[in-house]
Amino acid sequence: MVGPLGHVRVLELSRVLAGPWAAQTLADLGASVIKVERPGAGDDTRAFAPPYARDADGNPSSESAYFLSTNRGKRSVTIDFTHPEGQKLVQALAAQSDVLIENFKVGGLARYGLDYPALAARNPGLVYCSITGFGQTGPYRHKPGYDFMIQGIGGLMSITGEPDAHPGGGPVKVGVAVADIFTGLYATIAILGALAHREREGAGQHIDLALLDAQVAVLANQAMNYLVSGVAPQRMGNAHPNIVPYQAFAASDGHFIVAVGNEGQFARMCEVIGRPELVTDGRFATNASRVNNREEMTAILREIFLTRTKRQWLDELERVGVPCGPINTIADVFADPQVRARELRLELPHPTIGSVPSVANPIKYSATPLAYAAAPPMLGADTEQVLHDALGLAPEEVARLRRAGVV
């Protein structure tokens, strides 16, 4: 079936993660995505390795796991747009596109005639999404921005990790490049909104997205905790700033998570642990009182939870409907029966190594289920076909452009 964006054509001039994540999401939704890469090198993440995907015989290929994680469903075209002929090719592709995604430095594409004003003059309906570290305005607009930097500058690392005074305390980044991924998802939302606006008004527009803006936006309740109190939140390890108990605890054989979200769940937890009197203890009777007496509450629970195994506690807490769970490795995740039932692992056919694994998009439509068109493309695999189908170039002309180093 054709996905909900089967009528949309996307030209991707981005690399690494934020822009490619947005483009891959659009491809999952059915959009036709052409990824323009540098001849001979391609997206930087093609070299972010090892690990590499393995073929049917277990031998490593040249396809990096990083690149494969964020380029599903696209076609790869290699064009050197620093060359005047290359610029014309990209301009012609943009003239036929609904969306363009780029993540060059502010003003970086203007010298090649690939900035929004130049392309919108030829294609007024173009939705042009620029992704940078700090946005198109402000004192930092010309600085490069990488996810790790943004997690620090944007406040996330100030609330991630154990408190400074604890063993192992100090700032810690999240184990995935979440600032990039948040920005890619916001880009997808922004693009869909701009396409909806174009349907009503007939005109495209320029979208200005910054990693820093996205990171600050997703501070959510922690940002609001500061804005309403004037007190900056601090690192609390696995504890929650507004809910108690809502954290990891050690059992006799490892750690597990308890996430008590309301008073009924708290009462049932107290029954399971054999301390029903805690429900009427003034220090713990409400969530607010438990937050105010966090140390006393968690000290009691730590001592109790150490008396049994994590599986025993999980079984007992689940039986009475108290939210809880294990702390899985990523290997555990893909072996989990719920993850398997939701079909979150994909196998996509690949032209040289048989198939490559992928992680499914979590969106599940009832009427337009997602269809995964193809594995991430090999560098330049679609250059000749795209230039012929989209621009009408004959094989001889493409061969001339290859000899000239344009494609």
Protein backbone atom coordinates (compact mmCIF):
# COMPACT_ATOMS: atom_id res chain seq x y z
CA MET A 1 0.00 0.00 0.00
CA VAL A 2 1.04 3.58 -0.61
CA GLY A 3 1.74 5.37 2.66
CA PRO A 4 0.05 8.62 3.66
CA LEU A 5 2.89 10.63 2.08
CA GLY A 6 3.02 8.68 -1.17
CA HIS A 7 2.39 11.93 -3.07
CA VAL A 8 5.34 13.79 -1.50
CA ARG A 9 8.83 14.13 -2.98
CA VAL A 10 11.73 14.95 -0.65
CA LEU A 11 15.23 16.11 -1.57
CA GLU A 12 17.68 15.50 1.25
CA LEU A 13 20.89 17.55 1.44
CA SER A 14 21.71 16.51 4.99
CA ARG A 15 24.04 14.10 6.71
CA VAL A 16 24.79 12.47 10.08
CA LEU A 17 21.58 12.18 12.17
CA ALA A 18 19.04 14.98 12.67
CA GLY A 19 18.27 15.66 8.99
CA PRO A 20 18.55 12.02 7.89
CA TRP A 21 16.26 10.98 10.77
CA ALA A 22 13.57 13.38 9.53
CA ALA A 23 14.01 12.19 5.95
CA GLN A 24 13.86 8.52 6.97
CA THR A 25 10.65 9.16 8.92
CA LEU A 26 9.12 10.78 5.85
CA ALA A 27 10.27 7.82 3.74
CA ASP A 28 8.62 5.42 6.20
CA LEU A 29 5.41 7.40 5.70
CA GLY A 30 5.64 6.78 1.98
CA ALA A 31 7.48 9.84 0.67
CA SER A 32 9.93 9.45 -2.22
CA VAL A 33 13.27 10.56 -0.77
CA ILE A 34 16.35 11.36 -2.87
CA LYS A 35 19.50 11.71 -0.77
CA VAL A 36 22.24 13.80 -2.37
CA GLU A 37 25.71 12.72 -1.22
CA ARG A 38 29.28 13.73 -1.96
CA PRO A 39 30.87 11.65 -4.72
CA GLY A 40 33.43 9.22 -3.33
CA ALA A 41 32.63 9.88 0.34
CA GLY A 42 28.92 10.25 0.97
CA ASP A 43 27.27 10.87 4.30
CA ASP A 44 29.81 11.14 7.13
CA THR A 45 28.13 8.25 8.95
CA ARG A 46 29.19 5.81 6.24
CA ALA A 47 32.58 6.03 8.00
CA PHE A 48 31.26 5.97 11.58
CA ALA A 49 32.35 2.36 12.11
CA PRO A 50 32.84 -0.36 13.17
CA PRO A 51 30.50 -2.14 13.48
CA TYR A 52 29.56 -2.97 9.91
CA ALA A 53 26.63 -5.06 8.74
CA ARG A 54 27.56 -8.67 7.96
CA ASP A 55 26.66 -10.75 4.93
CA ALA A 56 25.04 -14.18 4.95
CA ASP A 57 28.43 -15.80 5.63
CA GLY A 58 29.12 -13.57 8.63
CA ASN A 59 31.70 -11.42 6.89
CA PRO A 60 31.68 -7.66 7.54
CA SER A 61 30.52 -5.50 4.64
CA SER A 62 31.34 -1.86 3.89
CA GLU A 63 27.94 -0.71 5.24
CA SER A 64 28.24 0.93 8.67
CA ALA A 65 25.60 0.24 11.31
CA TYR A 66 25.32 3.98 11.98
CA PHE A 67 24.45 4.83 8.37
CA LEU A 68 22.03 1.91 8.20
CA SER A 69 20.19 3.20 11.29
CA THR A 70 18.93 6.38 9.66
CA ASN A 71 18.76 6.07 5.86
CA ARG A 72 16.13 3.41 5.17
CA GLY A 73 13.85 3.84 2.17
CA LYS A 74 15.94 6.45 0.34
CA ARG A 75 17.66 6.63 -3.03
CA SER A 76 21.28 7.80 -3.11
CA VAL A 77 22.49 10.20 -5.79
CA THR A 78 26.07 11.46 -5.78
CA ILE A 79 26.42 15.05 -7.00
CA ASP A 80 29.23 17.53 -6.42
CA PHE A 81 27.28 20.76 -6.12
CA THR A 82 30.43 22.82 -5.67
CA HIS A 83 30.68 22.30 -9.45
CA PRO A 84 28.44 24.60 -11.54
CA GLU A 85 26.91 21.67 -13.40
CA GLY A 86 26.25 19.92 -10.11
CA GLN A 87 24.46 23.00 -8.82
CA LYS A 88 22.18 22.96 -11.85
CA LEU A 89 21.35 19.30 -11.26
CA VAL A 90 20.38 19.91 -7.62
CA GLN A 91 18.43 23.04 -8.57
CA ALA A 92 16.50 21.02 -11.15
CA LEU A 93 15.75 18.28 -8.59
CA ALA A 94 14.61 20.90 -6.07
CA ALA A 95 12.28 22.39 -8.67
CA GLN A 96 10.47 19.04 -8.77
CA SER A 97 10.41 18.46 -5.01
CA ASP A 98 7.85 19.22 -2.33
CA VAL A 99 10.35 19.26 0.54
CA LEU A 100 14.07 19.97 0.89
CA ILE A 101 15.99 19.13 4.08
CA GLU A 102 19.48 20.56 4.65
CA ASN A 103 21.84 20.89 7.60
CA PHE A 104 24.65 23.10 6.31
CA LYS A 105 26.02 26.05 8.25
CA VAL A 106 23.96 29.23 8.17
CA GLY A 107 24.29 30.69 4.67
CA GLY A 108 26.43 27.78 3.49
CA LEU A 109 24.25 26.86 0.52
CA ALA A 110 23.71 30.42 -0.74
CA ARG A 111 27.03 30.44 -2.60
CA TYR A 112 25.78 27.50 -4.68
CA GLY A 113 22.36 28.94 -5.44
CA LEU A 114 20.76 26.33 -3.19
CA ASP A 115 19.42 28.57 -0.41
CA TYR A 116 15.71 29.02 0.20
CA PRO A 117 15.22 32.34 -1.65
CA ALA A 118 16.96 31.01 -4.77
CA LEU A 119 15.06 27.74 -4.88
CA ALA A 120 11.69 29.22 -3.83
CA ALA A 121 11.89 31.66 -6.75
CA ARG A 122 11.76 28.66 -9.06
CA ASN A 123 9.48 26.48 -6.89
CA PRO A 124 7.23 28.67 -4.67
CA GLY A 125 5.59 25.60 -3.17
CA LEU A 126 8.84 24.23 -1.77
CA VAL A 127 8.95 23.46 1.96
CA TYR A 128 12.60 24.10 2.83
CA CYS A 129 13.76 22.82 6.22
CA SER A 130 17.11 24.05 7.57
CA ILE A 131 18.61 22.23 10.56
CA THR A 132 21.56 23.79 12.38
CA GLY A 133 23.07 23.63 15.84
CA PHE A 134 21.85 27.05 16.95
CA GLY A 135 19.42 28.34 14.34
CA GLN A 136 19.47 31.05 11.68
CA THR A 137 19.51 33.92 14.20
CA GLY A 138 21.22 34.79 17.47
CA PRO A 139 24.85 35.19 18.57
CA TYR A 140 25.68 31.48 18.17
CA ARG A 141 24.19 31.07 14.68
CA HIS A 142 27.57 30.55 12.98
CA LYS A 143 28.88 28.03 15.50
CA PRO A 144 28.94 24.34 14.61
CA GLY A 145 26.67 22.26 16.81
CA TYR A 146 26.98 18.58 17.68
CA ASP A 147 24.64 16.51 19.82
CA PHE A 148 27.09 16.05 22.72
CA MET A 149 27.70 19.81 22.90
CA ILE A 150 23.98 20.51 22.75
CA GLN A 151 23.18 18.07 25.57
CA GLY A 152 25.58 20.12 27.68
CA ILE A 153 24.63 23.61 26.55
CA GLY A 154 20.91 22.78 26.57
CA GLY A 155 20.87 21.69 30.21
CA LEU A 156 20.24 17.97 29.76
CA MET A 157 23.56 16.90 31.27
CA SER A 158 22.90 19.01 34.36
CA ILE A 159 20.01 16.69 35.23
CA THR A 160 21.46 13.39 33.94
CA GLY A 161 23.68 11.26 36.15
CA GLU A 162 24.26 10.87 39.86
CA PRO A 163 24.65 13.93 42.12
CA ASP A 164 28.19 15.28 42.30
CA ALA A 165 28.59 14.15 45.92
CA HIS A 166 27.72 10.51 45.15
CA PRO A 167 30.22 7.89 43.94
CA GLY A 168 30.44 8.21 40.18
CA GLY A 169 28.62 11.52 40.32
CA GLY A 170 28.94 14.17 37.65
CA PRO A 171 27.45 15.10 34.29
CA VAL A 172 26.55 12.26 31.92
CA LYS A 173 25.23 12.41 28.39
CA VAL A 174 22.32 10.24 27.31
CA GLY A 175 23.50 7.06 25.57
CA VAL A 176 21.80 7.99 22.28
CA ALA A 177 22.16 11.30 20.41
CA VAL A 178 18.78 12.49 21.61
CA ALA A 179 19.23 16.16 20.70
CA ASP A 180 19.69 15.10 17.07
CA ILE A 181 16.75 12.71 17.20
CA PHE A 182 14.45 15.22 18.92
CA THR A 183 15.34 17.76 16.25
CA GLY A 184 14.71 15.23 13.49
CA LEU A 185 11.28 14.46 14.91
CA TYR A 186 10.43 18.15 15.32
CA ALA A 187 11.57 18.64 11.73
CA THR A 188 9.16 15.94 10.60
CA ILE A 189 6.31 17.61 12.49
CA ALA A 190 7.24 21.03 11.12
CA ILE A 191 7.37 19.70 7.55
CA LEU A 192 3.96 18.06 7.85
CA GLY A 193 2.54 21.31 9.22
CA ALA A 194 4.06 23.30 6.35
CA LEU A 195 2.64 20.83 3.81
CA ALA A 196 -0.80 21.22 5.40
CA HIS A 197 -0.43 25.02 5.16
CA ARG A 198 0.60 24.70 1.50
CA GLU A 199 -2.56 22.68 0.77
CA ARG A 200 -4.65 25.60 2.03
CA GLU A 201 -2.60 28.57 0.87
CA GLY A 202 -0.61 27.20 -2.06
CA ALA A 203 2.79 28.41 -0.86
CA GLY A 204 5.75 26.72 0.75
CA GLN A 205 7.94 28.26 3.44
CA HIS A 206 11.30 28.13 5.19
CA ILE A 207 11.59 26.14 8.43
CA ASP A 208 14.36 27.15 10.84
CA LEU A 209 15.15 24.34 13.31
CA ALA A 210 17.98 24.32 15.84
CA LEU A 211 19.31 21.46 17.94
CA LEU A 212 19.58 23.79 20.94
CA ASP A 213 15.95 24.92 20.59
CA ALA A 214 14.75 21.32 20.40
CA GLN A 215 16.82 20.28 23.41
CA VAL A 216 15.52 23.16 25.52
CA ALA A 217 11.94 22.42 24.40
CA VAL A 218 12.08 18.81 25.62
CA LEU A 219 13.29 19.74 29.11
CA ALA A 220 9.52 19.65 29.75
CA ASN A 221 8.63 19.41 33.45
CA GLN A 222 12.24 20.05 34.49
CA ALA A 223 12.22 23.39 32.68
CA MET A 224 8.88 24.26 34.24
CA ASN A 225 10.14 23.21 37.69
CA TYR A 226 12.80 25.90 37.30
CA LEU A 227 10.52 28.53 35.74
CA VAL A 228 7.93 28.33 38.52
CA SER A 229 10.37 27.99 41.42
CA GLY A 230 13.52 29.80 40.35
CA VAL A 231 15.52 26.80 41.55
CA ALA A 232 17.54 24.95 38.91
CA PRO A 233 16.97 21.16 39.05
CA GLN A 234 20.02 19.07 39.85
CA ARG A 235 21.17 15.57 38.95
CA MET A 236 19.20 12.96 40.85
CA GLY A 237 20.39 9.72 39.31
CA ASN A 238 17.38 7.53 38.57
CA ALA A 239 15.02 9.40 40.89
CA HIS A 240 12.13 11.55 39.63
CA PRO A 241 11.99 15.21 40.70
CA ASN A 242 8.20 15.25 41.15
CA ILE A 243 7.18 11.66 42.03
CA VAL A 244 8.25 9.28 44.83
CA PRO A 245 8.85 6.34 44.63
CA TYR A 246 9.74 6.45 40.94
CA GLN A 247 13.26 5.11 40.43
CA ALA A 248 15.51 2.05 40.27
CA PHE A 249 16.05 -0.08 43.34
CA ALA A 250 18.52 -2.87 44.08
CA ALA A 251 17.14 -6.34 44.71
CA SER A 252 19.27 -9.19 46.02
CA ASP A 253 20.42 -10.05 42.48
CA GLY A 254 20.34 -6.76 40.55
CA HIS A 255 18.31 -3.65 39.86
CA PHE A 256 14.72 -3.13 38.78
CA ILE A 257 12.37 -0.17 38.35
CA VAL A 258 9.38 0.88 40.44
CA ALA A 259 7.22 3.67 39.00
CA VAL A 260 4.40 4.51 41.39
CA GLY A 261 2.15 7.01 39.63
CA ASN A 262 -0.77 7.49 42.02
CA GLU A 263 -1.98 6.84 45.55
CA GLY A 264 -3.75 3.59 44.71
CA GLN A 265 -0.55 2.16 43.31
CA PHE A 266 1.35 3.31 46.39
CA ALA A 267 -1.11 1.55 48.68
CA ARG A 268 -0.83 -1.69 46.71
CA MET A 269 2.96 -1.48 46.75
CA CYS A 270 2.89 -1.06 50.54
CA GLU A 271 0.76 -4.22 50.85
CA VAL A 272 3.20 -6.20 48.68
CA ILE A 273 6.23 -5.12 50.71
CA GLY A 274 4.47 -5.88 53.99
CA ARG A 275 4.29 -2.29 55.22
CA PRO A 276 0.61 -1.23 54.88
CA GLU A 277 1.01 1.29 57.70
CA LEU A 278 3.09 3.53 55.42
CA VAL A 279 -0.10 4.58 53.63
CA THR A 280 -1.32 6.43 56.73
CA ASP A 281 2.08 7.65 57.88
CA GLY A 282 1.95 11.46 57.63
CA ARG A 283 5.39 11.53 56.04
CA PHE A 284 4.29 9.36 53.12
CA ALA A 285 0.49 9.60 52.83
CA THR A 286 0.52 11.72 49.65
CA ASN A 287 2.92 12.10 46.77
CA ALA A 288 3.73 15.63 47.92
CA SER A 289 4.63 14.39 51.37
CA ARG A 290 6.75 11.60 49.89
CA VAL A 291 8.61 14.11 47.71
CA ASN A 292 9.26 16.26 50.77
CA ASN A 293 10.47 13.18 52.69
CA ARG A 294 12.22 11.50 49.79
CA GLU A 295 15.26 10.26 51.72
CA GLU A 296 13.23 8.59 54.47
CA MET A 297 10.90 6.94 51.95
CA THR A 298 13.65 5.58 49.71
CA ALA A 299 15.74 4.40 52.68
CA ILE A 300 12.86 2.20 53.84
CA LEU A 301 12.29 0.80 50.35
CA ARG A 302 15.97 0.14 49.69
CA GLU A 303 16.24 -2.03 52.79
CA ILE A 304 13.11 -4.01 51.93
CA PHE A 305 13.84 -4.55 48.25
CA LEU A 306 17.25 -6.05 49.03
CA THR A 307 15.54 -9.01 50.73
CA ARG A 308 14.25 -10.70 47.54
CA THR A 309 15.25 -11.19 43.92
CA LYS A 310 14.21 -8.74 41.24
CA ARG A 311 12.06 -11.40 39.54
CA GLN A 312 10.20 -12.05 42.79
CA TRP A 313 9.50 -8.35 43.28
CA LEU A 314 8.47 -7.84 39.65
CA ASP A 315 6.04 -10.77 39.81
CA GLU A 316 4.47 -9.54 43.04
CA LEU A 317 4.20 -5.91 41.98
CA GLU A 318 2.84 -6.78 38.54
CA ARG A 319 0.24 -9.04 40.15
CA VAL A 320 -1.33 -6.05 41.94
CA GLY A 321 -0.91 -3.58 39.09
CA VAL A 322 2.02 -1.55 40.34
CA PRO A 323 4.08 -0.29 37.36
CA CYS A 324 7.52 -1.87 37.41
CA GLY A 325 10.02 -3.41 35.06
CA PRO A 326 13.48 -4.83 34.50
CA ILE A 327 16.48 -2.87 33.24
CA ASN A 328 17.13 -4.63 29.95
CA THR A 329 20.25 -4.69 27.85
CA ILE A 330 19.64 -3.94 24.19
CA ALA A 331 20.03 -7.67 23.55
CA ASP A 332 17.26 -8.25 26.10
CA VAL A 333 15.10 -5.66 24.35
CA PHE A 334 15.09 -7.48 21.02
CA ALA A 335 14.42 -10.80 22.76
CA ASP A 336 11.49 -9.37 24.73
CA PRO A 337 8.17 -10.97 23.76
CA GLN A 338 6.38 -7.61 23.61
CA VAL A 339 9.02 -6.12 21.32
CA ARG A 340 8.83 -9.23 19.15
CA ALA A 341 5.04 -9.11 19.06
CA ARG A 342 5.17 -5.47 17.94
CA GLU A 343 7.58 -6.47 15.14
CA LEU A 344 10.11 -3.78 15.99
CA ARG A 345 12.94 -5.65 14.29
CA LEU A 346 12.90 -5.64 10.49
CA GLU A 347 14.96 -7.45 7.89
CA LEU A 348 15.31 -5.48 4.66
CA PRO A 349 16.71 -6.88 1.41
CA HIS A 350 20.11 -5.48 0.43
CA PRO A 351 21.70 -5.79 -3.03
CA THR A 352 25.13 -7.01 -1.90
CA ILE A 353 24.81 -8.56 1.56
CA GLY A 354 21.45 -10.29 1.32
CA SER A 355 19.59 -8.42 4.04
CA VAL A 356 20.22 -5.92 6.79
CA PRO A 357 18.41 -5.59 10.12
CA SER A 358 16.55 -2.41 10.95
CA VAL A 359 14.37 -1.00 13.72
CA ALA A 360 10.77 -0.40 12.68
CA ASN A 361 9.07 2.96 12.86
CA PRO A 362 6.77 2.95 15.93
CA ILE A 363 3.85 4.55 14.04
CA LYS A 364 1.04 2.06 13.38
CA TYR A 365 -1.79 3.33 11.16
CA SER A 366 -5.04 1.43 10.77
CA ALA A 367 -5.71 2.54 7.19
CA THR A 368 -2.29 3.23 5.70
CA PRO A 369 0.21 0.84 7.32
CA LEU A 370 3.83 1.74 6.75
CA ALA A 371 5.69 -0.13 4.04
CA TYR A 372 9.47 -0.17 4.12
CA ALA A 373 10.52 0.39 0.53
CA ALA A 374 14.18 -0.53 0.73
CA ALA A 375 17.26 -0.92 2.86
CA PRO A 376 19.54 2.13 3.15
CA PRO A 377 21.14 2.69 -0.26
CA MET A 378 24.72 2.09 -1.25
CA LEU A 379 26.61 5.27 -2.15
CA GLY A 380 25.42 6.62 -5.48
CA ALA A 381 23.44 3.49 -6.29
CA ASP A 382 20.55 5.43 -7.81
CA THR A 383 22.40 8.27 -9.54
CA GLU A 384 21.80 7.21 -13.13
CA GLN A 385 18.19 6.15 -12.61
CA VAL A 386 17.19 9.31 -10.74
CA LEU A 387 18.89 11.65 -13.22
CA HIS A 388 17.20 9.81 -16.09
CA ASP A 389 13.74 9.52 -14.51
CA ALA A 390 13.60 12.95 -12.86
CA LEU A 391 15.62 15.08 -15.26
CA GLY A 392 15.53 13.10 -18.49
CA LEU A 393 19.31 12.74 -18.76
CA ALA A 394 20.49 10.09 -21.21
CA PRO A 395 23.07 7.49 -20.08
CA GLU A 396 25.66 9.18 -22.27
CA GLU A 397 25.13 12.50 -20.49
CA VAL A 398 25.41 10.88 -17.07
CA ALA A 399 28.62 9.16 -18.21
CA ARG A 400 30.02 12.55 -19.29
CA LEU A 401 29.13 14.03 -15.90
CA ARG A 402 30.90 11.10 -14.21
CA ARG A 403 34.04 11.69 -16.23
CA ALA A 404 33.92 15.38 -15.26
CA GLY A 405 33.58 14.48 -11.56
CA VAL A 406 30.18 16.16 -11.28
CA VAL A 407 28.41 12.93 -10.25
